[in-house]
C-alpha atoms as a PDB file:
ATOM      1  CA  UNK A   1     161.315 151.894 148.341  1.00  0.00           C
ATOM      2  CA  UNK A   2     160.606 153.716 144.902  1.00  0.00           C
ATOM      3  CA  UNK A   3     162.076 157.272 143.931  1.00  0.00           C
ATOM      4  CA  UNK A   4     159.083 160.040 143.145  1.00  0.00           C
ATOM      5  CA  UNK A   5     159.858 162.746 140.953  1.00  0.00           C
ATOM      6  CA  UNK A   6     158.041 166.031 141.469  1.00  0.00           C
ATOM      7  CA  UNK A   7     157.100 167.951 138.511  1.00  0.00           C
ATOM      8  CA  UNK A   8     155.810 171.450 137.917  1.00  0.00           C
ATOM      9  CA  UNK A   9     152.042 171.592 136.159  1.00  0.00           C
ATOM     10  CA  UNK A  10     153.562 172.982 133.437  1.00  0.00           C
ATOM     11  CA  UNK A  11     155.799 170.282 132.566  1.00  0.00           C
ATOM     12  CA  UNK A  12     152.896 168.183 132.763  1.00  0.00           C
ATOM     13  CA  UNK A  13     151.492 166.989 129.076  1.00  0.00           C
ATOM     14  CA  UNK A  14     147.526 166.580 128.945  1.00  0.00           C
ATOM     15  CA  UNK A  15     146.205 164.500 126.427  1.00  0.00           C
ATOM     16  CA  UNK A  16     142.264 163.600 125.862  1.00  0.00           C
ATOM     17  CA  UNK A  17     141.474 160.286 126.769  1.00  0.00           C
ATOM     18  CA  UNK A  18     140.867 158.311 123.711  1.00  0.00           C
ATOM     19  CA  UNK A  19     139.062 154.985 124.531  1.00  0.00           C
ATOM     20  CA  UNK A  20     140.065 153.692 120.783  1.00  0.00           C
ATOM     21  CA  UNK A  21     143.667 153.541 122.040  1.00  0.00           C
ATOM     22  CA  UNK A  22     142.685 150.663 124.439  1.00  0.00           C
ATOM     23  CA  UNK A  23     140.514 148.927 122.288  1.00  0.00           C
ATOM     24  CA  UNK A  24     142.205 145.655 120.725  1.00  0.00           C
ATOM     25  CA  UNK A  25     139.893 144.954 118.045  1.00  0.00           C
ATOM     26  CA  UNK A  26     139.188 148.148 115.670  1.00  0.00           C
ATOM     27  CA  UNK A  27     136.103 148.376 113.815  1.00  0.00           C
ATOM     28  CA  UNK A  28     136.386 148.907 110.128  1.00  0.00           C
ATOM     29  CA  UNK A  29     134.849 152.026 109.018  1.00  0.00           C
ATOM     30  CA  UNK A  30     133.248 151.587 105.508  1.00  0.00           C
ATOM     31  CA  UNK A  31     132.094 154.213 103.311  1.00  0.00           C
ATOM     32  CA  UNK A  32     129.050 153.080 101.088  1.00  0.00           C
ATOM     33  CA  UNK A  33     129.060 154.665  98.044  1.00  0.00           C
ATOM     34  CA  UNK A  34     126.099 155.316  96.176  1.00  0.00           C
ATOM     35  CA  UNK A  35     125.216 153.080  93.134  1.00  0.00           C
ATOM     36  CA  UNK A  36     123.012 154.640  90.563  1.00  0.00           C
ATOM     37  CA  UNK A  37     121.638 153.265  87.494  1.00  0.00           C
ATOM     38  CA  UNK A  38     123.294 155.347  85.027  1.00  0.00           C
ATOM     39  CA  UNK A  39     126.625 153.581  86.595  1.00  0.00           C
ATOM     40  CA  UNK A  40     125.488 150.228  86.300  1.00  0.00           C
ATOM     41  CA  UNK A  41     124.284 150.840  82.540  1.00  0.00           C
ATOM     42  CA  UNK A  42     127.778 152.109  81.817  1.00  0.00           C
ATOM     43  CA  UNK A  43     129.380 148.877  83.556  1.00  0.00           C
ATOM     44  CA  UNK A  44     126.900 146.757  81.250  1.00  0.00           C
ATOM     45  CA  UNK A  45     127.760 148.520  78.271  1.00  0.00           C
ATOM     46  CA  UNK A  46     131.676 148.228  78.781  1.00  0.00           C
ATOM     47  CA  UNK A  47     131.117 144.622  79.373  1.00  0.00           C
ATOM     48  CA  UNK A  48     128.975 144.188  76.489  1.00  0.00           C
ATOM     49  CA  UNK A  49     125.808 142.660  78.336  1.00  0.00           C
ATOM     50  CA  UNK A  50     122.462 143.301  77.336  1.00  0.00           C
ATOM     51  CA  UNK A  51     119.766 144.525  79.749  1.00  0.00           C
ATOM     52  CA  UNK A  52     116.571 146.169  80.413  1.00  0.00           C
ATOM     53  CA  UNK A  53     115.350 148.635  82.930  1.00  0.00           C
ATOM     54  CA  UNK A  54     114.090 146.145  85.274  1.00  0.00           C
ATOM     55  CA  UNK A  55     117.256 144.182  85.583  1.00  0.00           C
ATOM     56  CA  UNK A  56     119.182 147.739  86.460  1.00  0.00           C
ATOM     57  CA  UNK A  57     116.736 148.323  89.080  1.00  0.00           C
ATOM     58  CA  UNK A  58     117.039 144.594  90.766  1.00  0.00           C
ATOM     59  CA  UNK A  59     120.754 144.825  90.553  1.00  0.00           C
ATOM     60  CA  UNK A  60     120.933 148.393  92.102  1.00  0.00           C
ATOM     61  CA  UNK A  61     118.764 147.106  95.045  1.00  0.00           C
ATOM     62  CA  UNK A  62     120.931 143.888  95.464  1.00  0.00           C
ATOM     63  CA  UNK A  63     124.124 145.995  95.560  1.00  0.00           C
ATOM     64  CA  UNK A  64     122.773 148.591  97.783  1.00  0.00           C
ATOM     65  CA  UNK A  65     121.530 145.723 100.171  1.00  0.00           C
ATOM     66  CA  UNK A  66     124.946 143.970  99.946  1.00  0.00           C
ATOM     67  CA  UNK A  67     126.836 147.079 100.949  1.00  0.00           C
ATOM     68  CA  UNK A  68     124.480 148.205 103.662  1.00  0.00           C
ATOM     69  CA  UNK A  69     124.955 144.374 105.091  1.00  0.00           C
ATOM     70  CA  UNK A  70     128.569 144.622 104.720  1.00  0.00           C
ATOM     71  CA  UNK A  71     128.710 147.579 106.560  1.00  0.00           C
ATOM     72  CA  UNK A  72     127.266 146.411 109.661  1.00  0.00           C
END
């Protein structure tokens, strides 16, 4: 036979049920940082790269799409 301990309701600790505590594989929470044309131009200047506005716009679209895809 098993022993049973009787306790008062004030002695019981109540915690909310957190489903994440029971999930083995946890998802990564990715924070997407917004990429601006100004930032891309600054990086290109630091790397001494030649660029035009069309290339900056294309690069911004590619990086944004890549980060969104990675966040999934």
